[in-house]
């Protein structure tokens, strides 16, 4: 091939393709093939969950899940260089959504914001990851624009974490879960074992996660032709309350009913829930259940949830 026929790469201004970040760039990125391109840059899979997800008075751009770890991933976009406003937003959003990974995409990262992400990765646990990504557009001659993502900030041990992670397809088991959780807290592993024992009586169909890094189990109650969930337990030492899941299934599709449940959880010592928790997946550290009295009250709330589901479905108590 003659080198005279080779084209020349030309940089394209982002606004030539996307006039508006919320109207153009965010919907484009939310498409499956474009999330896949971003995921390939980061070394993770991204499954779309929501666009413009409300977090209090704000609205986060994109919320995804990483199916291999079943963890939340939040994406915040800018078509300009980074600013202090978006730095504050990603911190606010990650707390409000219990996101485990936060991806900040911008046309250009100024050094102070890249350093801020590096600092956040240093002070947070391995369960929380912050990524900084610059987006570019290129073309050759009159060819279509070609996007390119450049990773400018990542967790300190991200490459090692991906390398040692369990391959997708290895489902967690009771023994593996309790062993992993026990490395973080022996008492929390005992609490998880008690929850499993309760589930065998009340919600006997337990769904085990497939996460590469973190494992989970979810007691499931099959009743009235529906699968009902109230809590998911994670191997990184917390319980995730499933309000976002139950709001799509009766009887807890009723807002007042979910609020009743939230109030019962919030009455437990150590259970602090945000005012909008009934539409989300709030989490509480398992250390809140280390106390036997709190644990007993927790199981009372779970028993009430099961009784409400069965009563709505016309199932007699004990069935």
Protein backbone atom coordinates (compact mmCIF):
# COMPACT_ATOMS: atom_id res chain seq x y z
CA UNK A 1 0.00 0.00 0.00
CA UNK A 2 1.33 3.41 -0.91
CA UNK A 3 1.91 5.69 2.07
CA UNK A 4 0.62 8.58 -0.04
CA UNK A 5 -2.88 7.16 0.45
CA UNK A 6 -2.71 7.31 4.24
CA UNK A 7 -4.99 9.83 5.89
CA UNK A 8 -4.22 12.21 8.72
CA UNK A 9 -5.98 12.13 12.08
CA UNK A 10 -7.72 15.40 12.92
CA UNK A 11 -9.00 16.39 16.35
CA UNK A 12 -12.67 17.44 16.40
CA UNK A 13 -14.30 19.79 18.89
CA UNK A 14 -16.80 17.91 21.05
CA UNK A 15 -19.56 20.44 20.39
CA UNK A 16 -19.51 19.56 16.68
CA UNK A 17 -21.04 16.20 17.60
CA UNK A 18 -22.83 17.00 20.86
CA UNK A 19 -24.30 20.48 21.18
CA UNK A 20 -25.73 19.77 24.60
CA UNK A 21 -24.42 17.52 27.35
CA UNK A 22 -27.86 16.47 28.73
CA UNK A 23 -29.68 16.40 25.39
CA UNK A 24 -26.95 14.90 23.17
CA UNK A 25 -23.91 13.48 24.96
CA UNK A 26 -25.64 11.71 27.87
CA UNK A 27 -28.19 9.88 25.65
CA UNK A 28 -25.35 8.90 23.27
CA UNK A 29 -23.21 7.53 26.10
CA UNK A 30 -26.18 5.62 27.55
CA UNK A 31 -26.40 3.50 24.37
CA UNK A 32 -25.14 -0.04 24.88
CA UNK A 33 -22.26 0.10 22.37
CA UNK A 34 -20.94 3.35 23.82
CA UNK A 35 -21.07 2.15 27.42
CA UNK A 36 -19.17 -0.90 26.18
CA UNK A 37 -16.46 1.36 24.70
CA UNK A 38 -16.15 3.22 28.01
CA UNK A 39 -16.09 -0.06 29.93
CA UNK A 40 -13.28 -1.40 27.78
CA UNK A 41 -11.21 1.66 28.70
CA UNK A 42 -11.77 1.04 32.42
CA UNK A 43 -11.64 -2.74 32.45
CA UNK A 44 -15.25 -3.26 33.56
CA UNK A 45 -18.68 -4.08 32.16
CA UNK A 46 -21.39 -1.43 32.39
CA UNK A 47 -25.11 -2.18 32.39
CA UNK A 48 -27.46 0.79 32.15
CA UNK A 49 -29.87 1.22 35.08
CA UNK A 50 -31.09 4.83 34.80
CA UNK A 51 -30.49 8.17 33.06
CA UNK A 52 -30.82 11.45 34.98
CA UNK A 53 -31.21 9.63 38.30
CA UNK A 54 -32.60 11.92 41.00
CA UNK A 55 -30.44 12.32 44.10
CA UNK A 56 -32.25 14.71 46.41
CA UNK A 57 -32.65 18.03 44.55
CA UNK A 58 -30.00 17.07 41.96
CA UNK A 59 -30.00 14.75 38.95
CA UNK A 60 -27.03 12.48 38.21
CA UNK A 61 -26.32 11.80 34.53
CA UNK A 62 -26.11 8.00 34.26
CA UNK A 63 -26.43 5.15 36.77
CA UNK A 64 -25.12 1.71 35.80
CA UNK A 65 -24.37 -1.62 37.41
CA UNK A 66 -21.26 -3.69 36.85
CA UNK A 67 -22.90 -7.13 36.31
CA UNK A 68 -19.80 -9.08 37.28
CA UNK A 69 -19.70 -7.46 40.72
CA UNK A 70 -23.35 -6.34 40.97
CA UNK A 71 -22.05 -2.98 42.18
CA UNK A 72 -23.36 0.50 41.36
CA UNK A 73 -21.47 2.72 38.91
CA UNK A 74 -22.31 6.41 38.61
CA UNK A 75 -21.26 8.47 35.57
CA UNK A 76 -21.12 12.28 35.58
CA UNK A 77 -20.43 14.09 32.29
CA UNK A 78 -18.98 17.43 31.18
CA UNK A 79 -18.30 18.71 27.68
CA UNK A 80 -15.88 21.30 29.07
CA UNK A 81 -12.88 21.15 31.38
CA UNK A 82 -13.53 20.00 34.94
CA UNK A 83 -14.82 22.41 37.58
CA UNK A 84 -15.42 22.51 41.34
CA UNK A 85 -19.19 22.16 40.92
CA UNK A 86 -18.93 18.74 39.30
CA UNK A 87 -16.34 17.59 41.82
CA UNK A 88 -18.82 18.33 44.59
CA UNK A 89 -21.61 16.62 42.65
CA UNK A 90 -19.81 13.31 42.22
CA UNK A 91 -19.12 13.15 45.95
CA UNK A 92 -22.75 14.01 46.77
CA UNK A 93 -24.14 11.57 44.23
CA UNK A 94 -21.89 8.67 45.27
CA UNK A 95 -23.09 9.03 48.87
CA UNK A 96 -26.75 9.38 47.89
CA UNK A 97 -26.75 6.37 45.58
CA UNK A 98 -24.34 4.14 47.52
CA UNK A 99 -22.32 3.99 44.32
CA UNK A 100 -19.20 1.89 44.57
CA UNK A 101 -17.57 3.34 41.43
CA UNK A 102 -17.80 6.93 40.20
CA UNK A 103 -16.73 7.89 36.66
CA UNK A 104 -16.20 11.58 35.92
CA UNK A 105 -15.99 12.27 32.18
CA UNK A 106 -14.83 15.64 30.86
CA UNK A 107 -13.23 17.25 27.84
CA UNK A 108 -10.18 18.17 29.93
CA UNK A 109 -9.07 17.48 33.50
CA UNK A 110 -7.28 20.32 35.23
CA UNK A 111 -4.48 19.10 37.47
CA UNK A 112 -6.16 20.02 40.77
CA UNK A 113 -9.23 17.91 39.96
CA UNK A 114 -7.16 14.93 38.81
CA UNK A 115 -5.24 15.22 42.08
CA UNK A 116 -8.53 15.39 44.00
CA UNK A 117 -9.66 12.07 42.49
CA UNK A 118 -6.30 10.52 43.34
CA UNK A 119 -6.73 11.74 46.92
CA UNK A 120 -10.27 10.34 47.15
CA UNK A 121 -8.97 6.97 45.98
CA UNK A 122 -6.32 7.07 48.70
CA UNK A 123 -8.64 7.86 51.62
CA UNK A 124 -11.64 5.68 50.70
CA UNK A 125 -11.92 1.91 51.06
CA UNK A 126 -11.33 -0.60 48.27
CA UNK A 127 -15.11 -0.81 47.88
CA UNK A 128 -15.25 2.75 46.50
CA UNK A 129 -13.49 3.71 43.25
CA UNK A 130 -13.14 7.07 41.49
CA UNK A 131 -12.18 7.35 37.81
CA UNK A 132 -11.30 10.39 35.76
CA UNK A 133 -11.81 10.05 31.99
CA UNK A 134 -11.15 12.54 29.19
CA UNK A 135 -13.23 12.17 26.02
CA UNK A 136 -11.93 13.08 22.57
CA UNK A 137 -13.28 13.02 19.02
CA UNK A 138 -11.14 12.24 15.94
CA UNK A 139 -11.68 11.74 12.22
CA UNK A 140 -9.73 11.12 9.01
CA UNK A 141 -10.80 13.41 6.20
CA UNK A 142 -14.58 13.25 5.85
CA UNK A 143 -14.94 10.06 7.88
CA UNK A 144 -17.49 9.82 10.73
CA UNK A 145 -16.30 11.14 14.08
CA UNK A 146 -14.56 8.52 16.25
CA UNK A 147 -14.75 8.84 20.06
CA UNK A 148 -11.78 8.02 22.27
CA UNK A 149 -11.72 7.75 26.07
CA UNK A 150 -8.47 8.38 27.97
CA UNK A 151 -8.12 7.26 31.59
CA UNK A 152 -6.40 10.02 33.60
CA UNK A 153 -7.15 8.87 37.17
CA UNK A 154 -7.96 5.49 38.66
CA UNK A 155 -7.79 3.69 42.02
CA UNK A 156 -4.25 2.92 43.16
CA UNK A 157 -4.55 -0.86 42.95
CA UNK A 158 -7.18 -1.06 40.19
CA UNK A 159 -5.09 -3.13 37.77
CA UNK A 160 -4.17 -5.59 40.52
CA UNK A 161 -7.78 -5.75 41.72
CA UNK A 162 -9.03 -6.66 38.24
CA UNK A 163 -6.29 -9.27 37.84
CA UNK A 164 -7.07 -11.06 41.10
CA UNK A 165 -10.87 -10.79 40.81
CA UNK A 166 -12.90 -13.97 40.52
CA UNK A 167 -13.80 -14.66 36.86
CA UNK A 168 -17.41 -13.98 35.92
CA UNK A 169 -19.46 -17.13 36.22
CA UNK A 170 -18.20 -18.23 39.67
CA UNK A 171 -21.32 -18.04 41.83
CA UNK A 172 -20.83 -17.34 45.50
CA UNK A 173 -21.66 -19.99 48.08
CA UNK A 174 -22.52 -19.86 51.78
CA UNK A 175 -19.09 -21.11 52.81
CA UNK A 176 -17.17 -18.72 50.56
CA UNK A 177 -19.33 -15.75 51.53
CA UNK A 178 -19.02 -16.27 55.29
CA UNK A 179 -15.29 -16.87 54.97
CA UNK A 180 -14.77 -13.65 52.99
CA UNK A 181 -16.96 -11.60 55.34
CA UNK A 182 -15.16 -13.16 58.31
CA UNK A 183 -11.88 -11.64 57.13
CA UNK A 184 -13.45 -8.21 57.70
CA UNK A 185 -15.47 -8.97 60.84
CA UNK A 186 -16.02 -12.26 62.63
CA UNK A 187 -19.10 -10.80 64.31
CA UNK A 188 -20.58 -9.67 60.99
CA UNK A 189 -20.09 -13.20 59.62
CA UNK A 190 -22.07 -14.50 62.61
CA UNK A 191 -24.81 -11.95 61.88
CA UNK A 192 -24.93 -13.04 58.22
CA UNK A 193 -25.21 -16.68 59.32
CA UNK A 194 -28.18 -15.75 61.53
CA UNK A 195 -29.85 -13.96 58.61
CA UNK A 196 -29.39 -17.07 56.49
CA UNK A 197 -30.90 -19.21 59.26
CA UNK A 198 -33.89 -16.82 59.44
CA UNK A 199 -34.25 -16.97 55.64
CA UNK A 200 -34.45 -20.76 55.69
CA UNK A 201 -37.68 -20.39 57.69
CA UNK A 202 -39.22 -17.25 56.22
CA UNK A 203 -37.75 -16.59 52.74
CA UNK A 204 -36.21 -19.95 51.81
CA UNK A 205 -35.17 -19.16 48.22
CA UNK A 206 -31.76 -17.49 48.62
CA UNK A 207 -30.20 -15.88 45.54
CA UNK A 208 -26.38 -15.89 45.55
CA UNK A 209 -24.46 -13.26 43.60
CA UNK A 210 -21.91 -13.76 40.83
CA UNK A 211 -19.59 -10.87 41.70
CA UNK A 212 -15.91 -11.07 40.83
CA UNK A 213 -14.75 -8.99 43.79
CA UNK A 214 -17.65 -8.80 46.25
CA UNK A 215 -20.28 -11.40 46.98
CA UNK A 216 -23.89 -11.10 48.05
CA UNK A 217 -26.92 -13.10 48.98
CA UNK A 218 -30.58 -12.09 48.85
CA UNK A 219 -33.41 -13.93 50.63
CA UNK A 220 -36.34 -14.23 48.22
CA UNK A 221 -39.99 -14.85 49.06
CA UNK A 222 -41.98 -16.35 46.18
CA UNK A 223 -45.58 -15.38 46.83
CA UNK A 224 -48.59 -14.40 44.72
CA UNK A 225 -46.73 -15.06 41.49
CA UNK A 226 -44.04 -12.52 42.41
CA UNK A 227 -40.56 -12.64 43.90
CA UNK A 228 -40.20 -10.34 46.90
CA UNK A 229 -36.96 -9.04 48.43
CA UNK A 230 -36.35 -6.90 51.48
CA UNK A 231 -32.57 -6.97 52.01
CA UNK A 232 -29.34 -7.96 50.28
CA UNK A 233 -26.25 -8.80 52.34
CA UNK A 234 -22.81 -7.96 50.94
CA UNK A 235 -19.44 -9.52 51.72
CA UNK A 236 -17.92 -6.07 52.23
CA UNK A 237 -19.85 -5.83 55.51
CA UNK A 238 -23.15 -4.09 54.85
CA UNK A 239 -26.85 -4.76 54.27
CA UNK A 240 -28.65 -3.08 51.37
CA UNK A 241 -32.38 -2.47 51.84
CA UNK A 242 -34.30 -3.22 48.65
CA UNK A 243 -36.83 -0.37 48.49
CA UNK A 244 -36.09 0.33 44.81
CA UNK A 245 -36.87 -3.32 44.04
CA UNK A 246 -40.01 -3.65 46.17
CA UNK A 247 -41.63 -0.44 44.85
CA UNK A 248 -42.41 -2.34 41.63
CA UNK A 249 -44.33 -5.14 43.38
CA UNK A 250 -47.45 -5.07 45.55
CA UNK A 251 -48.09 -4.46 48.34
CA UNK A 252 -44.94 -2.32 48.72
CA UNK A 253 -45.51 -0.54 45.43
CA UNK A 254 -47.65 1.67 47.67
CA UNK A 255 -45.54 4.61 48.87
CA UNK A 256 -47.20 4.72 52.29
CA UNK A 257 -46.47 1.04 52.83
CA UNK A 258 -42.79 1.50 51.94
CA UNK A 259 -42.63 4.50 54.26
CA UNK A 260 -44.06 2.36 57.06
CA UNK A 261 -41.31 -0.19 56.46
CA UNK A 262 -38.63 2.52 56.29
CA UNK A 263 -39.85 3.99 59.59
CA UNK A 264 -39.55 0.58 61.23
CA UNK A 265 -35.97 0.21 60.01
CA UNK A 266 -35.10 3.80 60.96
CA UNK A 267 -36.28 3.15 64.52
CA UNK A 268 -33.45 0.63 64.96
CA UNK A 269 -30.29 2.00 66.62
CA UNK A 270 -27.61 2.56 63.97
CA UNK A 271 -30.10 2.60 61.07
CA UNK A 272 -30.03 6.13 59.64
CA UNK A 273 -32.07 6.47 56.43
CA UNK A 274 -32.38 9.49 54.15
CA UNK A 275 -35.80 11.05 53.61
CA UNK A 276 -35.93 9.63 50.06
CA UNK A 277 -34.78 6.12 51.03
CA UNK A 278 -38.09 4.51 50.05
CA UNK A 279 -37.23 4.84 46.34
CA UNK A 280 -33.57 3.83 46.60
CA UNK A 281 -31.26 1.10 47.89
CA UNK A 282 -29.95 2.50 51.18
CA UNK A 283 -27.24 0.56 52.96
CA UNK A 284 -26.32 0.10 56.61
CA UNK A 285 -23.15 -1.44 58.01
CA UNK A 286 -23.60 -4.90 59.50
CA UNK A 287 -21.95 -3.61 62.65
CA UNK A 288 -25.32 -2.03 63.46
CA UNK A 289 -26.59 -5.60 63.97
CA UNK A 290 -23.77 -6.76 66.24
CA UNK A 291 -25.94 -5.99 69.27
CA UNK A 292 -28.33 -8.89 70.02
CA UNK A 293 -31.24 -6.61 70.93
CA UNK A 294 -30.94 -4.61 67.70
CA UNK A 295 -30.68 -7.86 65.77
CA UNK A 296 -33.90 -9.13 67.36
CA UNK A 297 -35.70 -5.92 66.40
CA UNK A 298 -34.30 -6.24 62.86
CA UNK A 299 -35.77 -9.72 62.50
CA UNK A 300 -39.09 -8.40 63.84
CA UNK A 301 -39.13 -5.90 60.95
CA UNK A 302 -38.32 -8.66 58.45
CA UNK A 303 -41.10 -10.83 59.92
CA UNK A 304 -43.53 -7.92 59.50
CA UNK A 305 -42.47 -7.54 55.84
CA UNK A 306 -43.12 -11.24 55.18
CA UNK A 307 -46.50 -11.10 56.94
CA UNK A 308 -47.60 -8.08 54.89
CA UNK A 309 -46.66 -9.76 51.61
CA UNK A 310 -48.46 -12.98 52.55
CA UNK A 311 -51.57 -11.14 53.75
CA UNK A 312 -51.78 -9.21 50.49
CA UNK A 313 -51.38 -12.43 48.51
CA UNK A 314 -54.00 -14.26 50.55
CA UNK A 315 -51.52 -16.73 52.00
CA UNK A 316 -52.21 -17.99 55.51
CA UNK A 317 -49.51 -17.39 58.11
CA UNK A 318 -47.23 -20.43 58.36
CA UNK A 319 -47.64 -21.45 54.72
